[in-house]
Amino acid sequence: MTPEGKPNFASVENVRHFQGTLFNLTVKAVCGDCNNGWMSQREATVRPILGPLIKAQPLVLDEDSQRKLAAWVAMKIMVQEADNPVDMVSTFEDRTWVRDHLRPPPGWQIFIGQHSQAEWNTKWQRYASTLVTSDGNGEEFKDVETLAKNMQMITFGFGKLVVNAFSTKIIGLGIEYAAEHSLLFRQIWPWKGNLLWPTGRELSFAQIHKASVALRDFIAVNARSRSVDLPQ
């Protein structure tokens, strides 16, 4: 489907370096029972998987381990989103979904890669945006800034591991890497197949950066267009 009229975007970008490790990241917006309950259980479940990943030690990531890792990634992203509620994409229902189903909600894609870039050991970068289009009759949304964000891309490093995740509320919308990037970033969600770690192909700083700004670049291109292709 290609909606008539010009797409409209309102975007925000956040870059931060966390202190300590991702295991310690919490925000006051998350209730104590959640931090000390099901979230704490997810942390314990993923530790045996994350250990080899962040140290680039040999590991076979099967479907179950990829699902657990993907659920942990989604949980951490949602926790950090709550640090700035105005720009949140995930909802209470999404957090409940992760808790109840132990997997990311619909609309999530998660990729992992191997790196040795010091800056990305503790870097967290998030780009969130609102996408709306005209109604087909030439009437464009003028108040896009007041609408909730409906898509985001998050890239963060944790030791030798770098994660690149995309989530959206636009059903069927997704990202697809070029062939060369697919050799470097391996998709863990939705599950495609078992993965061997380490990958044997380290990401350069430029390659990580390119992935981290993919949503920003998509918006930069389509914001100048008269239409944007959306799934049917």
C-alpha atoms as a PDB file:
ATOM      1  CA  MET A   1       0.000   0.000   0.000  1.00  0.00           C
ATOM      2  CA  THR A   2       1.282   3.460  -0.870  1.00  0.00           C
ATOM      3  CA  PRO A   3      -0.797   6.129   0.887  1.00  0.00           C
ATOM      4  CA  GLU A   4      -1.531   9.325  -0.998  1.00  0.00           C
ATOM      5  CA  GLY A   5      -0.026  12.542   0.295  1.00  0.00           C
ATOM      6  CA  LYS A   6       3.197  13.336   2.077  1.00  0.00           C
ATOM      7  CA  PRO A   7       4.243  11.252   5.114  1.00  0.00           C
ATOM      8  CA  ASN A   8       4.865  13.266   8.247  1.00  0.00           C
ATOM      9  CA  PHE A   9       7.438  12.488  10.934  1.00  0.00           C
ATOM     10  CA  ALA A  10       8.295  13.737  14.399  1.00  0.00           C
ATOM     11  CA  SER A  11      11.528  12.267  15.741  1.00  0.00           C
ATOM     12  CA  VAL A  12      13.749  12.229  18.806  1.00  0.00           C
ATOM     13  CA  GLU A  13      17.256  10.819  19.234  1.00  0.00           C
ATOM     14  CA  ASN A  14      18.889   9.813  22.530  1.00  0.00           C
ATOM     15  CA  VAL A  15      22.508   8.777  23.020  1.00  0.00           C
ATOM     16  CA  ARG A  16      23.892   7.781  26.405  1.00  0.00           C
ATOM     17  CA  HIS A  17      26.645   5.737  28.054  1.00  0.00           C
ATOM     18  CA  PHE A  18      25.481   3.590  30.937  1.00  0.00           C
ATOM     19  CA  GLN A  19      27.479   3.015  34.107  1.00  0.00           C
ATOM     20  CA  GLY A  20      28.198  -0.503  35.313  1.00  0.00           C
ATOM     21  CA  THR A  21      26.429  -3.216  33.319  1.00  0.00           C
ATOM     22  CA  LEU A  22      23.059  -3.609  31.681  1.00  0.00           C
ATOM     23  CA  PHE A  23      22.097  -6.029  34.440  1.00  0.00           C
ATOM     24  CA  ASN A  24      21.997  -3.073  36.831  1.00  0.00           C
ATOM     25  CA  LEU A  25      19.890  -0.749  34.695  1.00  0.00           C
ATOM     26  CA  THR A  26      16.566   0.113  36.332  1.00  0.00           C
ATOM     27  CA  VAL A  27      14.333   3.158  36.343  1.00  0.00           C
ATOM     28  CA  LYS A  28      11.892   4.419  38.946  1.00  0.00           C
ATOM     29  CA  ALA A  29       9.005   4.092  36.473  1.00  0.00           C
ATOM     30  CA  VAL A  30       9.197   0.312  36.823  1.00  0.00           C
ATOM     31  CA  CYS A  31       7.543  -0.974  39.987  1.00  0.00           C
ATOM     32  CA  GLY A  32       9.636  -2.711  42.622  1.00  0.00           C
ATOM     33  CA  ASP A  33       7.655  -5.922  42.299  1.00  0.00           C
ATOM     34  CA  CYS A  34       8.508  -6.045  38.569  1.00  0.00           C
ATOM     35  CA  ASN A  35      12.183  -5.201  39.073  1.00  0.00           C
ATOM     36  CA  ASN A  36      12.488  -7.841  41.792  1.00  0.00           C
ATOM     37  CA  GLY A  37      10.012 -10.302  40.306  1.00  0.00           C
ATOM     38  CA  TRP A  38       9.603 -11.407  36.699  1.00  0.00           C
ATOM     39  CA  MET A  39      12.279  -9.019  35.400  1.00  0.00           C
ATOM     40  CA  SER A  40      14.790 -10.392  37.872  1.00  0.00           C
ATOM     41  CA  GLN A  41      13.872 -13.916  36.745  1.00  0.00           C
ATOM     42  CA  ARG A  42      14.522 -12.955  33.109  1.00  0.00           C
ATOM     43  CA  GLU A  43      17.943 -11.619  34.118  1.00  0.00           C
ATOM     44  CA  ALA A  44      18.826 -14.908  35.789  1.00  0.00           C
ATOM     45  CA  THR A  45      17.602 -16.911  32.797  1.00  0.00           C
ATOM     46  CA  VAL A  46      19.695 -14.993  30.261  1.00  0.00           C
ATOM     47  CA  ARG A  47      22.965 -14.744  32.221  1.00  0.00           C
ATOM     48  CA  PRO A  48      24.335 -18.120  31.002  1.00  0.00           C
ATOM     49  CA  ILE A  49      23.638 -16.980  27.431  1.00  0.00           C
ATOM     50  CA  LEU A  50      24.971 -13.448  27.768  1.00  0.00           C
ATOM     51  CA  GLY A  51      28.227 -14.521  29.441  1.00  0.00           C
ATOM     52  CA  PRO A  52      29.749 -16.110  26.316  1.00  0.00           C
ATOM     53  CA  LEU A  53      28.245 -13.437  24.053  1.00  0.00           C
ATOM     54  CA  ILE A  54      29.852 -10.477  25.795  1.00  0.00           C
ATOM     55  CA  LYS A  55      33.199 -12.310  25.993  1.00  0.00           C
ATOM     56  CA  ALA A  56      33.085 -13.669  22.401  1.00  0.00           C
ATOM     57  CA  GLN A  57      33.317 -17.225  23.698  1.00  0.00           C
ATOM     58  CA  PRO A  58      31.989 -20.213  21.695  1.00  0.00           C
ATOM     59  CA  LEU A  59      28.251 -20.751  21.949  1.00  0.00           C
ATOM     60  CA  VAL A  60      25.474 -22.292  19.865  1.00  0.00           C
ATOM     61  CA  LEU A  61      22.364 -20.138  19.958  1.00  0.00           C
ATOM     62  CA  ASP A  62      19.391 -22.409  19.362  1.00  0.00           C
ATOM     63  CA  GLU A  63      15.767 -21.324  19.089  1.00  0.00           C
ATOM     64  CA  ASP A  64      15.163 -21.371  22.834  1.00  0.00           C
ATOM     65  CA  SER A  65      18.270 -19.358  23.714  1.00  0.00           C
ATOM     66  CA  GLN A  66      17.525 -16.809  20.989  1.00  0.00           C
ATOM     67  CA  ARG A  67      13.979 -16.406  22.298  1.00  0.00           C
ATOM     68  CA  LYS A  68      15.254 -15.870  25.851  1.00  0.00           C
ATOM     69  CA  LEU A  69      17.853 -13.378  24.628  1.00  0.00           C
ATOM     70  CA  ALA A  70      15.292 -11.525  22.504  1.00  0.00           C
ATOM     71  CA  ALA A  71      12.893 -11.299  25.462  1.00  0.00           C
ATOM     72  CA  TRP A  72      15.689  -9.864  27.611  1.00  0.00           C
ATOM     73  CA  VAL A  73      16.590  -7.301  24.929  1.00  0.00           C
ATOM     74  CA  ALA A  74      12.956  -6.210  24.619  1.00  0.00           C
ATOM     75  CA  MET A  75      12.639  -5.971  28.393  1.00  0.00           C
ATOM     76  CA  LYS A  76      15.772  -3.806  28.723  1.00  0.00           C
ATOM     77  CA  ILE A  77      14.632  -1.513  25.939  1.00  0.00           C
ATOM     78  CA  MET A  78      11.210  -1.105  27.523  1.00  0.00           C
ATOM     79  CA  VAL A  79      12.806  -0.309  30.878  1.00  0.00           C
ATOM     80  CA  GLN A  80      14.918   2.421  29.307  1.00  0.00           C
ATOM     81  CA  GLU A  81      11.975   3.778  27.331  1.00  0.00           C
ATOM     82  CA  ALA A  82      10.217   4.384  30.641  1.00  0.00           C
ATOM     83  CA  ASP A  83      13.002   6.785  31.568  1.00  0.00           C
ATOM     84  CA  ASN A  84      11.425   9.261  29.117  1.00  0.00           C
ATOM     85  CA  PRO A  85       7.688   8.424  29.003  1.00  0.00           C
ATOM     86  CA  VAL A  86       6.820  11.163  26.495  1.00  0.00           C
ATOM     87  CA  ASP A  87       8.737   9.379  23.737  1.00  0.00           C
ATOM     88  CA  MET A  88       7.794   5.778  24.572  1.00  0.00           C
ATOM     89  CA  VAL A  89       6.765   3.418  21.787  1.00  0.00           C
ATOM     90  CA  SER A  90       6.135   0.345  23.930  1.00  0.00           C
ATOM     91  CA  THR A  91       2.956   0.174  25.977  1.00  0.00           C
ATOM     92  CA  PHE A  92       1.840  -1.472  29.202  1.00  0.00           C
ATOM     93  CA  GLU A  93       0.326  -4.213  27.044  1.00  0.00           C
ATOM     94  CA  ASP A  94       3.723  -4.797  25.401  1.00  0.00           C
ATOM     95  CA  ARG A  95       5.434  -5.195  28.780  1.00  0.00           C
ATOM     96  CA  THR A  96       2.704  -7.572  29.880  1.00  0.00           C
ATOM     97  CA  TRP A  97       3.214  -9.548  26.657  1.00  0.00           C
ATOM     98  CA  VAL A  98       6.924 -10.044  27.409  1.00  0.00           C
ATOM     99  CA  ARG A  99       6.114 -11.117  30.957  1.00  0.00           C
ATOM    100  CA  ASP A 100       3.410 -13.575  29.939  1.00  0.00           C
ATOM    101  CA  HIS A 101       4.832 -14.948  26.663  1.00  0.00           C
ATOM    102  CA  LEU A 102       8.586 -14.676  27.323  1.00  0.00           C
ATOM    103  CA  ARG A 103       9.199 -13.228  23.871  1.00  0.00           C
ATOM    104  CA  PRO A 104       9.085  -9.791  22.208  1.00  0.00           C
ATOM    105  CA  PRO A 105       5.677  -8.468  21.148  1.00  0.00           C
ATOM    106  CA  PRO A 106       4.611  -8.394  17.475  1.00  0.00           C
ATOM    107  CA  GLY A 107       6.407  -5.742  15.462  1.00  0.00           C
ATOM    108  CA  TRP A 108       9.894  -6.389  16.878  1.00  0.00           C
ATOM    109  CA  GLN A 109      13.079  -7.338  15.007  1.00  0.00           C
ATOM    110  CA  ILE A 110      16.324  -7.962  16.867  1.00  0.00           C
ATOM    111  CA  PHE A 111      19.822  -8.475  15.450  1.00  0.00           C
ATOM    112  CA  ILE A 112      23.162  -9.140  17.134  1.00  0.00           C
ATOM    113  CA  GLY A 113      26.746  -8.689  16.020  1.00  0.00           C
ATOM    114  CA  GLN A 114      30.294  -9.061  17.289  1.00  0.00           C
ATOM    115  CA  HIS A 115      32.590  -6.070  17.744  1.00  0.00           C
ATOM    116  CA  SER A 116      35.726  -4.704  19.430  1.00  0.00           C
ATOM    117  CA  GLN A 117      34.864  -1.008  19.338  1.00  0.00           C
ATOM    118  CA  ALA A 118      35.632   0.512  22.752  1.00  0.00           C
ATOM    119  CA  GLU A 119      33.038   3.274  22.411  1.00  0.00           C
ATOM    120  CA  TRP A 120      30.258   0.730  21.947  1.00  0.00           C
ATOM    121  CA  ASN A 121      31.120  -1.262  25.089  1.00  0.00           C
ATOM    122  CA  THR A 122      28.706   0.920  27.074  1.00  0.00           C
ATOM    123  CA  LYS A 123      26.932   2.975  24.412  1.00  0.00           C
ATOM    124  CA  TRP A 124      23.161   3.128  24.066  1.00  0.00           C
ATOM    125  CA  GLN A 125      21.571   4.905  21.105  1.00  0.00           C
ATOM    126  CA  ARG A 126      17.846   5.205  20.483  1.00  0.00           C
ATOM    127  CA  TYR A 127      15.978   6.874  17.653  1.00  0.00           C
ATOM    128  CA  ALA A 128      12.193   7.101  17.900  1.00  0.00           C
ATOM    129  CA  SER A 129       9.714   8.625  15.494  1.00  0.00           C
ATOM    130  CA  THR A 130       6.065   9.073  14.676  1.00  0.00           C
ATOM    131  CA  LEU A 131       4.941   8.203  11.166  1.00  0.00           C
ATOM    132  CA  VAL A 132       1.581   9.414   9.928  1.00  0.00           C
ATOM    133  CA  THR A 133       0.272  10.005   6.424  1.00  0.00           C
ATOM    134  CA  SER A 134      -2.535  11.972   4.904  1.00  0.00           C
ATOM    135  CA  ASP A 135      -5.969  10.410   4.709  1.00  0.00           C
ATOM    136  CA  GLY A 136      -5.827  10.138   0.923  1.00  0.00           C
ATOM    137  CA  ASN A 137      -7.889  13.276   0.437  1.00  0.00           C
ATOM    138  CA  GLY A 138      -5.018  15.683   0.769  1.00  0.00           C
ATOM    139  CA  GLU A 139      -5.651  16.308   4.455  1.00  0.00           C
ATOM    140  CA  GLU A 140      -2.334  16.049   6.268  1.00  0.00           C
ATOM    141  CA  PHE A 141      -1.826  15.763   9.993  1.00  0.00           C
ATOM    142  CA  LYS A 142      -0.624  19.106  11.316  1.00  0.00           C
ATOM    143  CA  ASP A 143      -0.145  18.055  14.952  1.00  0.00           C
ATOM    144  CA  VAL A 144       2.250  15.141  14.455  1.00  0.00           C
ATOM    145  CA  GLU A 145       4.371  16.401  17.354  1.00  0.00           C
ATOM    146  CA  THR A 146       1.507  15.609  19.734  1.00  0.00           C
ATOM    147  CA  LEU A 147       1.091  12.017  18.557  1.00  0.00           C
ATOM    148  CA  ALA A 148       2.694   9.034  20.265  1.00  0.00           C
ATOM    149  CA  LYS A 149       5.883   7.638  18.785  1.00  0.00           C
ATOM    150  CA  ASN A 150       5.112   4.492  16.773  1.00  0.00           C
ATOM    151  CA  MET A 151       8.521   3.199  15.701  1.00  0.00           C
ATOM    152  CA  GLN A 152      12.004   3.105  17.159  1.00  0.00           C
ATOM    153  CA  MET A 153      15.496   1.752  16.589  1.00  0.00           C
ATOM    154  CA  ILE A 154      17.846   0.999  19.457  1.00  0.00           C
ATOM    155  CA  THR A 155      21.502   0.017  19.224  1.00  0.00           C
ATOM    156  CA  PHE A 156      23.586  -0.804  22.281  1.00  0.00           C
ATOM    157  CA  GLY A 157      26.848  -2.518  23.119  1.00  0.00           C
ATOM    158  CA  PHE A 158      27.577  -4.921  25.948  1.00  0.00           C
ATOM    159  CA  GLY A 159      31.162  -6.161  25.933  1.00  0.00           C
ATOM    160  CA  LYS A 160      31.845  -7.865  22.585  1.00  0.00           C
ATOM    161  CA  LEU A 161      28.117  -7.966  21.807  1.00  0.00           C
ATOM    162  CA  VAL A 162      26.251  -5.257  19.924  1.00  0.00           C
ATOM    163  CA  VAL A 163      22.454  -5.345  19.610  1.00  0.00           C
ATOM    164  CA  ASN A 164      20.400  -3.591  16.950  1.00  0.00           C
ATOM    165  CA  ALA A 165      16.634  -3.668  17.482  1.00  0.00           C
ATOM    166  CA  PHE A 166      13.649  -2.207  15.674  1.00  0.00           C
ATOM    167  CA  SER A 167      10.067  -2.050  16.897  1.00  0.00           C
ATOM    168  CA  THR A 168       6.966  -0.502  15.413  1.00  0.00           C
ATOM    169  CA  LYS A 169       3.228  -0.225  15.925  1.00  0.00           C
ATOM    170  CA  ILE A 170       2.704  -0.210  12.147  1.00  0.00           C
ATOM    171  CA  ILE A 171       1.644  -3.769  11.399  1.00  0.00           C
ATOM    172  CA  GLY A 172       3.850  -5.460   8.804  1.00  0.00           C
ATOM    173  CA  LEU A 173       6.467  -2.711   8.634  1.00  0.00           C
ATOM    174  CA  GLY A 174      10.010  -3.999   9.080  1.00  0.00           C
ATOM    175  CA  ILE A 175      13.634  -3.544   8.106  1.00  0.00           C
ATOM    176  CA  GLU A 176      15.794  -5.625   5.835  1.00  0.00           C
ATOM    177  CA  TYR A 177      19.545  -5.335   5.750  1.00  0.00           C
ATOM    178  CA  ALA A 178      21.591  -5.432   2.580  1.00  0.00           C
ATOM    179  CA  ALA A 179      23.303  -8.751   1.934  1.00  0.00           C
ATOM    180  CA  GLU A 180      26.667  -7.621   3.281  1.00  0.00           C
ATOM    181  CA  HIS A 181      25.141  -6.455   6.552  1.00  0.00           C
ATOM    182  CA  SER A 182      23.235  -9.703   6.964  1.00  0.00           C
ATOM    183  CA  LEU A 183      26.604 -11.439   7.190  1.00  0.00           C
ATOM    184  CA  LEU A 184      27.595  -9.206  10.098  1.00  0.00           C
ATOM    185  CA  PHE A 185      24.320  -8.681  11.962  1.00  0.00           C
ATOM    186  CA  ARG A 186      22.543 -11.957  12.694  1.00  0.00           C
ATOM    187  CA  GLN A 187      18.799 -11.915  13.251  1.00  0.00           C
ATOM    188  CA  ILE A 188      17.674 -13.564  16.472  1.00  0.00           C
ATOM    189  CA  TRP A 189      14.066 -12.343  16.398  1.00  0.00           C
ATOM    190  CA  PRO A 190      11.925 -13.445  14.720  1.00  0.00           C
ATOM    191  CA  TRP A 191      13.898 -16.678  14.860  1.00  0.00           C
ATOM    192  CA  LYS A 192      15.428 -17.819  11.563  1.00  0.00           C
ATOM    193  CA  GLY A 193      17.752 -20.644  12.586  1.00  0.00           C
ATOM    194  CA  ASN A 194      20.536 -21.669  14.935  1.00  0.00           C
ATOM    195  CA  LEU A 195      23.561 -19.353  15.162  1.00  0.00           C
ATOM    196  CA  LEU A 196      27.196 -19.983  15.973  1.00  0.00           C
ATOM    197  CA  TRP A 197      28.971 -17.485  18.231  1.00  0.00           C
ATOM    198  CA  PRO A 198      31.322 -15.770  17.828  1.00  0.00           C
ATOM    199  CA  THR A 199      30.386 -14.955  14.261  1.00  0.00           C
ATOM    200  CA  GLY A 200      33.985 -14.644  13.075  1.00  0.00           C
ATOM    201  CA  ARG A 201      33.173 -11.284  11.481  1.00  0.00           C
ATOM    202  CA  GLU A 202      33.709  -8.245  13.660  1.00  0.00           C
ATOM    203  CA  LEU A 203      31.716  -5.107  13.001  1.00  0.00           C
ATOM    204  CA  SER A 204      33.656  -1.927  12.337  1.00  0.00           C
ATOM    205  CA  PHE A 205      32.670   1.381  13.930  1.00  0.00           C
ATOM    206  CA  ALA A 206      31.275   2.541  10.595  1.00  0.00           C
ATOM    207  CA  GLN A 207      29.148  -0.591  10.203  1.00  0.00           C
ATOM    208  CA  ILE A 208      27.654  -0.246  13.688  1.00  0.00           C
ATOM    209  CA  HIS A 209      26.972   3.422  13.088  1.00  0.00           C
ATOM    210  CA  LYS A 210      25.267   2.700   9.767  1.00  0.00           C
ATOM    211  CA  ALA A 211      22.935   0.225  11.436  1.00  0.00           C
ATOM    212  CA  SER A 212      22.244   2.533  14.374  1.00  0.00           C
ATOM    213  CA  VAL A 213      21.042   5.361  12.112  1.00  0.00           C
ATOM    214  CA  ALA A 214      19.103   3.193   9.643  1.00  0.00           C
ATOM    215  CA  LEU A 215      15.742   4.485  10.889  1.00  0.00           C
ATOM    216  CA  ARG A 216      16.953   8.079  10.835  1.00  0.00           C
ATOM    217  CA  ASP A 217      18.134   7.615   7.251  1.00  0.00           C
ATOM    218  CA  PHE A 218      14.827   5.994   6.277  1.00  0.00           C
ATOM    219  CA  ILE A 219      12.976   9.007   7.654  1.00  0.00           C
ATOM    220  CA  ALA A 220      15.333  11.477   5.985  1.00  0.00           C
ATOM    221  CA  VAL A 221      14.582   9.906   2.591  1.00  0.00           C
ATOM    222  CA  ASN A 222      10.837   9.417   2.991  1.00  0.00           C
ATOM    223  CA  ALA A 223      10.146  12.758   4.621  1.00  0.00           C
ATOM    224  CA  ARG A 224      11.076  14.310   1.283  1.00  0.00           C
ATOM    225  CA  SER A 225       8.819  11.958  -0.675  1.00  0.00           C
ATOM    226  CA  ARG A 226       5.197  12.390  -1.655  1.00  0.00           C
ATOM    227  CA  SER A 227       4.394   8.895  -0.399  1.00  0.00           C
ATOM    228  CA  VAL A 228       5.858   6.090   1.674  1.00  0.00           C
ATOM    229  CA  ASP A 229       5.343   2.413   0.986  1.00  0.00           C
ATOM    230  CA  LEU A 230       3.579   0.656   3.833  1.00  0.00           C
ATOM    231  CA  PRO A 231       2.567  -3.011   4.020  1.00  0.00           C
ATOM    232  CA  GLN A 232      -0.919  -3.983   2.993  1.00  0.00           C
END
